[in-house]
Structure formats: structure tokens, C-alpha cells
Protein backbone atom coordinates (compact mmCIF):
# COMPACT_ATOMS: atom_id res chain seq x y z
CA MET A 1 43.78 -16.22 -6.05
CA LYS A 2 40.82 -16.56 -8.67
CA LYS A 3 38.61 -15.09 -5.49
CA ILE A 4 41.47 -12.67 -5.53
CA ILE A 5 41.11 -11.93 -9.59
CA GLU A 6 36.91 -11.96 -9.69
CA TYR A 7 36.91 -9.36 -6.30
CA CYS A 8 39.09 -6.96 -7.91
CA ARG A 9 36.78 -7.00 -11.23
CA TYR A 10 33.80 -6.26 -8.75
CA LEU A 11 35.75 -3.01 -7.59
CA GLY A 12 36.65 -2.19 -11.13
CA ILE A 13 40.13 -2.80 -10.89
CA SER A 14 42.53 -4.09 -13.14
CA ILE A 15 44.76 -6.79 -11.51
CA THR A 16 47.95 -7.05 -13.77
CA LYS A 17 50.22 -10.25 -13.51
CA GLU A 18 52.94 -8.88 -11.81
CA GLN A 19 50.80 -7.60 -8.46
CA ILE A 20 48.87 -11.02 -8.61
CA GLU A 21 52.17 -12.77 -8.67
CA LYS A 22 53.71 -9.89 -5.89
CA ILE A 23 50.94 -11.29 -3.98
CA ASN A 24 51.37 -14.57 -4.16
CA TYR A 25 54.77 -14.08 -2.76
CA TYR A 26 53.96 -11.93 0.16
CA VAL A 27 51.61 -14.92 1.10
CA ASP A 28 53.95 -17.67 0.71
CA PHE A 29 56.72 -15.62 2.71
CA LEU A 30 54.18 -14.84 5.09
CA ILE A 31 53.59 -18.52 5.81
CA GLN A 32 57.50 -19.22 5.70
CA GLU A 33 57.92 -16.89 8.52
CA ASN A 34 55.19 -17.49 10.60
CA LYS A 35 56.62 -20.77 11.42
CA LYS A 36 59.38 -18.86 13.38
CA TYR A 37 57.51 -15.55 14.83
CA ASN A 38 54.08 -15.19 15.67
CA LEU A 39 52.99 -12.62 12.88
CA THR A 40 49.23 -14.33 12.14
CA GLY A 41 47.04 -17.09 13.53
CA ILE A 42 45.97 -18.09 9.92
CA LYS A 43 47.98 -20.70 8.48
CA GLN A 44 46.80 -22.16 5.40
CA LYS A 45 47.53 -20.21 2.25
CA GLU A 46 43.80 -20.49 1.40
CA GLU A 47 42.90 -18.79 4.41
CA ILE A 48 45.21 -16.21 4.28
CA LEU A 49 44.23 -15.12 0.77
CA SER A 50 40.64 -15.31 2.41
CA ASN A 51 40.83 -13.74 5.65
CA LEU A 52 43.52 -11.27 4.84
CA VAL A 53 43.98 -10.65 1.40
CA LEU A 54 40.54 -10.44 0.39
CA LYS A 55 39.61 -8.74 3.15
CA SER A 56 42.10 -6.12 2.63
CA LEU A 57 40.41 -4.82 -0.76
CA ILE A 58 37.80 -3.99 1.20
CA VAL A 59 39.76 -0.23 1.29
CA PHE A 60 38.83 -0.02 -2.64
CA HIS A 61 35.27 -0.72 -2.15
CA PRO A 62 33.50 2.23 -3.45
CA HIS A 63 31.59 5.02 -0.60
CA GLY A 64 28.51 4.75 -2.33
CA GLY A 65 27.72 4.33 -6.32
CA ASN A 66 29.02 1.43 -8.07
CA GLN A 67 32.33 2.83 -9.63
CA SER A 68 35.53 1.70 -7.55
CA THR A 69 37.42 4.32 -5.62
CA ILE A 70 40.78 3.01 -7.25
CA GLU A 71 41.71 6.61 -8.64
CA TRP A 72 41.59 7.86 -5.96
CA PHE A 73 44.28 6.41 -4.03
CA GLN A 74 46.95 7.42 -6.80
CA ASP A 75 48.10 10.52 -5.54
CA LYS A 76 47.21 10.10 -1.77
CA LYS A 77 49.28 9.40 1.64
CA ILE A 78 47.76 6.89 3.49
CA LEU A 79 48.16 5.35 7.01
CA ASP A 80 47.58 1.65 8.30
CA ILE A 81 47.46 1.67 11.62
CA GLY A 82 48.33 -1.27 13.91
CA THR A 83 49.40 -2.99 10.22
CA GLY A 84 50.65 -6.76 12.03
CA ALA A 85 52.02 -8.42 9.07
CA GLY A 86 50.75 -5.90 6.79
CA ILE A 87 47.49 -6.35 6.65
CA PRO A 88 46.00 -4.04 4.63
CA GLY A 89 48.29 -1.51 4.12
CA LEU A 90 50.98 -3.64 1.96
CA ILE A 91 48.23 -5.12 -0.06
CA VAL A 92 46.90 -1.48 -0.78
CA LYS A 93 50.58 -0.68 -1.95
CA ILE A 94 50.56 -3.76 -4.28
CA ILE A 95 47.25 -3.09 -5.70
CA SER A 96 48.05 1.38 -5.96
CA PRO A 97 51.86 1.19 -6.56
CA ILE A 98 52.11 4.72 -6.60
CA SER A 99 50.34 5.45 -3.20
CA ASP A 100 52.65 6.89 -0.12
CA VAL A 101 51.93 4.25 2.17
CA PHE A 102 52.89 4.27 5.95
CA LEU A 103 52.66 1.00 8.25
CA LEU A 104 52.39 1.55 11.67
CA ASP A 105 53.03 -1.07 14.50
CA SER A 106 53.91 -1.45 17.73
CA ASN A 107 55.59 -5.11 17.66
CA LYS A 108 59.14 -5.02 16.24
CA LYS A 109 59.04 -8.56 14.54
CA LYS A 110 55.99 -7.47 12.69
CA CYS A 111 57.96 -4.67 11.31
CA GLU A 112 60.89 -6.57 10.44
CA PHE A 113 59.07 -9.07 8.46
CA ILE A 114 57.18 -5.97 6.45
CA ARG A 115 60.58 -4.72 5.79
CA GLN A 116 61.88 -7.63 4.12
CA ILE A 117 58.69 -8.58 2.48
CA SER A 118 59.03 -4.66 1.03
CA LYS A 119 62.51 -5.61 -0.04
CA LYS A 120 61.81 -8.62 -1.86
CA LEU A 121 59.13 -7.34 -3.87
CA ASN A 122 60.73 -4.17 -4.51
CA LEU A 123 57.70 -1.70 -2.98
CA SER A 124 58.98 1.86 -3.49
CA GLY A 125 57.23 4.74 -1.39
CA LEU A 126 56.58 2.31 1.33
CA THR A 127 57.78 3.39 4.96
CA VAL A 128 57.52 1.16 7.91
CA ILE A 129 56.81 2.25 11.72
CA ASN A 130 57.67 1.08 14.50
CA ASP A 131 56.41 2.89 17.32
CA ARG A 132 52.73 3.72 19.43
CA ALA A 133 50.27 5.51 17.64
CA GLU A 134 49.71 7.58 20.69
CA ILE A 135 53.22 8.64 21.07
CA ILE A 136 53.84 10.03 17.01
CA ALA A 137 50.22 11.20 16.37
CA HIS A 138 52.17 14.32 18.59
CA GLU A 139 54.74 14.58 15.89
CA ASN A 140 54.08 17.27 13.53
CA GLU A 141 56.24 15.11 10.63
CA PHE A 142 52.77 12.66 11.06
CA ARG A 143 50.11 14.50 12.67
CA GLU A 144 46.96 15.56 10.71
CA LYS A 145 49.44 14.75 7.76
CA PHE A 146 47.54 11.65 5.94
CA ASP A 147 44.20 11.31 2.97
CA LEU A 148 43.51 8.12 4.44
CA VAL A 149 44.07 6.35 7.61
CA VAL A 150 42.60 2.95 7.83
CA SER A 151 42.88 0.11 10.65
CA ARG A 152 41.26 -2.85 11.02
CA ALA A 153 39.19 -4.05 14.11
CA VAL A 154 41.18 -3.59 16.53
CA GLY A 155 39.52 -1.50 18.93
CA ASN A 156 36.09 -0.79 19.87
CA LEU A 157 34.78 2.70 17.26
CA SER A 158 35.46 5.61 20.29
CA GLU A 159 38.93 4.08 20.83
CA LEU A 160 39.65 3.86 17.02
CA SER A 161 38.18 7.38 16.76
CA GLU A 162 40.74 8.66 19.07
CA ILE A 163 43.51 6.85 17.66
CA ASN A 164 42.74 7.74 14.00
CA ILE A 165 41.66 10.52 13.32
CA PRO A 166 44.10 12.67 14.65
CA PHE A 167 46.71 11.29 11.80
CA THR A 168 43.93 12.43 9.37
CA LYS A 169 44.66 16.13 7.41
CA ILE A 170 41.23 18.16 7.33
CA GLY A 171 38.83 17.13 4.44
CA GLY A 172 40.33 13.46 4.87
CA ILE A 173 38.91 10.38 5.72
CA SER A 174 39.91 7.94 8.58
CA MET A 175 38.50 4.50 7.61
CA ALA A 176 37.95 1.63 10.28
CA LEU A 177 37.09 -2.00 8.70
CA LYS A 178 35.10 -3.58 11.17
CA GLY A 179 32.06 -7.23 11.03
CA LYS A 180 28.43 -6.70 11.05
CA ASN A 181 26.58 -5.51 13.85
CA ILE A 182 28.16 -2.63 15.06
CA GLN A 183 25.14 0.02 15.19
CA ASP A 184 25.11 0.29 18.78
CA GLU A 185 29.50 0.82 18.78
CA ILE A 186 28.54 3.45 16.40
CA ASN A 187 25.75 5.01 18.26
CA LEU A 188 28.64 4.80 21.37
CA SER A 189 31.47 6.52 19.51
CA LYS A 190 29.73 10.07 18.12
CA ASN A 191 30.71 11.98 20.54
CA ALA A 192 34.75 10.68 20.61
CA SER A 193 34.65 11.15 16.39
CA ASN A 194 32.99 14.73 16.69
CA ILE A 195 35.27 15.30 19.84
CA MET A 196 38.38 14.35 17.24
CA GLY A 197 37.09 16.81 14.47
CA ALA A 198 35.10 14.73 12.33
CA ALA A 199 31.80 14.89 10.90
CA PRO A 200 29.52 12.46 12.02
CA PRO A 201 30.47 8.41 11.18
CA SER A 202 28.88 7.16 7.72
CA VAL A 203 28.73 3.11 7.28
CA VAL A 204 29.09 0.80 4.30
CA LYS A 205 28.14 -2.65 4.55
CA ILE A 206 29.87 -5.16 2.66
CA ARG A 207 27.89 -7.86 1.96
CA LEU A 208 29.52 -10.58 -0.40
CA PRO A 209 28.52 -14.21 0.25
CA ALA A 210 30.08 -15.50 -3.05
CA TYR A 211 33.35 -14.09 -1.16
CA SER A 212 32.25 -15.20 2.39
CA ILE A 213 32.20 -11.00 3.21
CA ASP A 214 29.86 -9.68 5.48
CA ASP A 215 31.57 -6.98 6.66
CA SER A 216 31.02 -2.83 7.38
CA ILE A 217 33.59 -0.07 6.82
CA VAL A 218 33.05 3.10 9.16
CA TYR A 219 34.23 6.84 7.81
CA TRP A 220 34.61 9.48 8.87
CA MET A 221 35.18 12.57 7.32
CA LYS A 222 37.49 14.98 9.37
CA ILE A 223 36.31 18.59 9.34
CA ASN A 224 38.31 20.20 11.93
CA LYS A 225 41.41 20.60 13.77
CA THR A 226 41.79 17.64 16.42
CA PRO A 227 42.15 19.66 20.17
CA LYS A 228 46.11 18.89 21.11
CA ASN A 229 45.34 16.50 23.99
CA PHE A 230 44.86 13.67 21.86
CA PRO A 231 45.29 10.74 21.54
CA ARG A 232 45.97 10.56 25.30
CA LYS A 233 48.69 8.58 26.86
CA ILE A 234 49.61 5.04 25.74
CA GLY A 235 46.58 2.59 26.98
CA ILE A 236 44.16 4.92 27.62
CA PRO A 237 42.21 5.00 24.88
CA HIS A 238 41.32 1.65 25.19
CA LYS A 239 41.48 1.38 29.13
CA ASN A 240 38.87 4.34 29.09
CA PRO A 241 37.20 4.94 25.92
CA ILE A 242 35.68 8.18 25.30
CA THR A 243 31.95 8.20 26.03
């Protein structure tokens, strides 16, 4: 947990003892349930803390400047697409408890795990959605309703543009957590994000060797409405990404 505390301090987050205890409980419960269900390929506690929890905190990394963006999150509606076992959305909820957080995943077992741990941690204002993004992005309840939409490296940036940006309200931000060396991928995705109604992407490099992090955050600011026919049907954004 020392690395978590240190990284929070670096980001300007005053993490409390209760939040630390909740993160620790989450990791222990994940390890326990992972023996029954395939929730994550990472098995060891230290690896989960470093590769899942620590990297979830990258969401709070400032978009330029040196000050944390934690205050920005406090009254925002946030969607985590492809959350899996709750990464990064569940950690975002623990760190920013008054944010309104939605966790979306198509895997029923993973969604049930999140519901269980949410109840155990007494997390209010957290909604778990077991569905496909390509479907619910067309529902009025979710379309263009979120201040922040987050996803990890679950696909290339053209695919993520088509999946994420339709959920983002005008003036909101879509964020993709990616690895390094992604410039070619960014160049190939510019047309897709433009069609979806976003400004050109901006990228923040995260290089913190002391924390074993060498990643990137890709940001899209939503400036126009997404055309009604996007995203396309299930699987098409992945099989045939916009070029």
C-alpha cells in the first residue's frame, strides 16, 4: 500500500485511512473470488496493487500543469467502459466517493463481483451495468450524459472513439488509458474521433519509473453531437474500425 499512498501524495490526493482500508479489502476480496471466477489474470496481491490499483489512479493525473484534478471529479457523472473487475471505476469511486460512477461490462460474473464488493464496501452512488456499450449508447438514459468516460486499453483508439465518445456529453471528456508508443494509433484514429464529435486528441505521457508506470492518457473533448448511427452494431467497431 506504500506505493498507493505515495502516488496519491504525488497527485495531490489526501487519501484517508478508510479509503486505504477499502482498497485493501477490495484487493483481498478480488484474490479470494478470483479462485472461483476468472476475474483477472493477475494473481499476486502486490501485482494487483501495482498493475490494477496504482494504474487506476492515473485517471486523476492532471491534464497539464502540476496540480491534481481530484476536485474536478467531485460532482461529475463518470462511466467506466469494460470495467472488468472494477478497474479503474471502482477505485475512482473509493477515492472520489461523491462522484456518480457507472461501471459497464458485458461479463455477468464480473458485474456480480462488482455488486458484491460494492455492497461490502458500502459504496453508494455506484451503478453496475451488465450490457454491451454498442447497445446502451443508443439509449436516451446514457447517450451523451457523462462528464467523463474512461476505458483501458481494450481496443485500438479508433474503436475506443466509436464506443466511448457517444456516451460523453458536449463539453465532457473521454479518456483512454493506453501504453507507450501509440503515436501511429493516434494518427489512425483522428478521423474516427472527429466523426464522433470530438476535438483532436491530446496525449499526456505518464513516466514514473519509481512506480513502474510508463503509460499514456489519450483525451478527447466532446464538441459536437455524435451522429445517431454510431456506435455501429456489436462487434463492428472492433472488426472494422473507422479509418
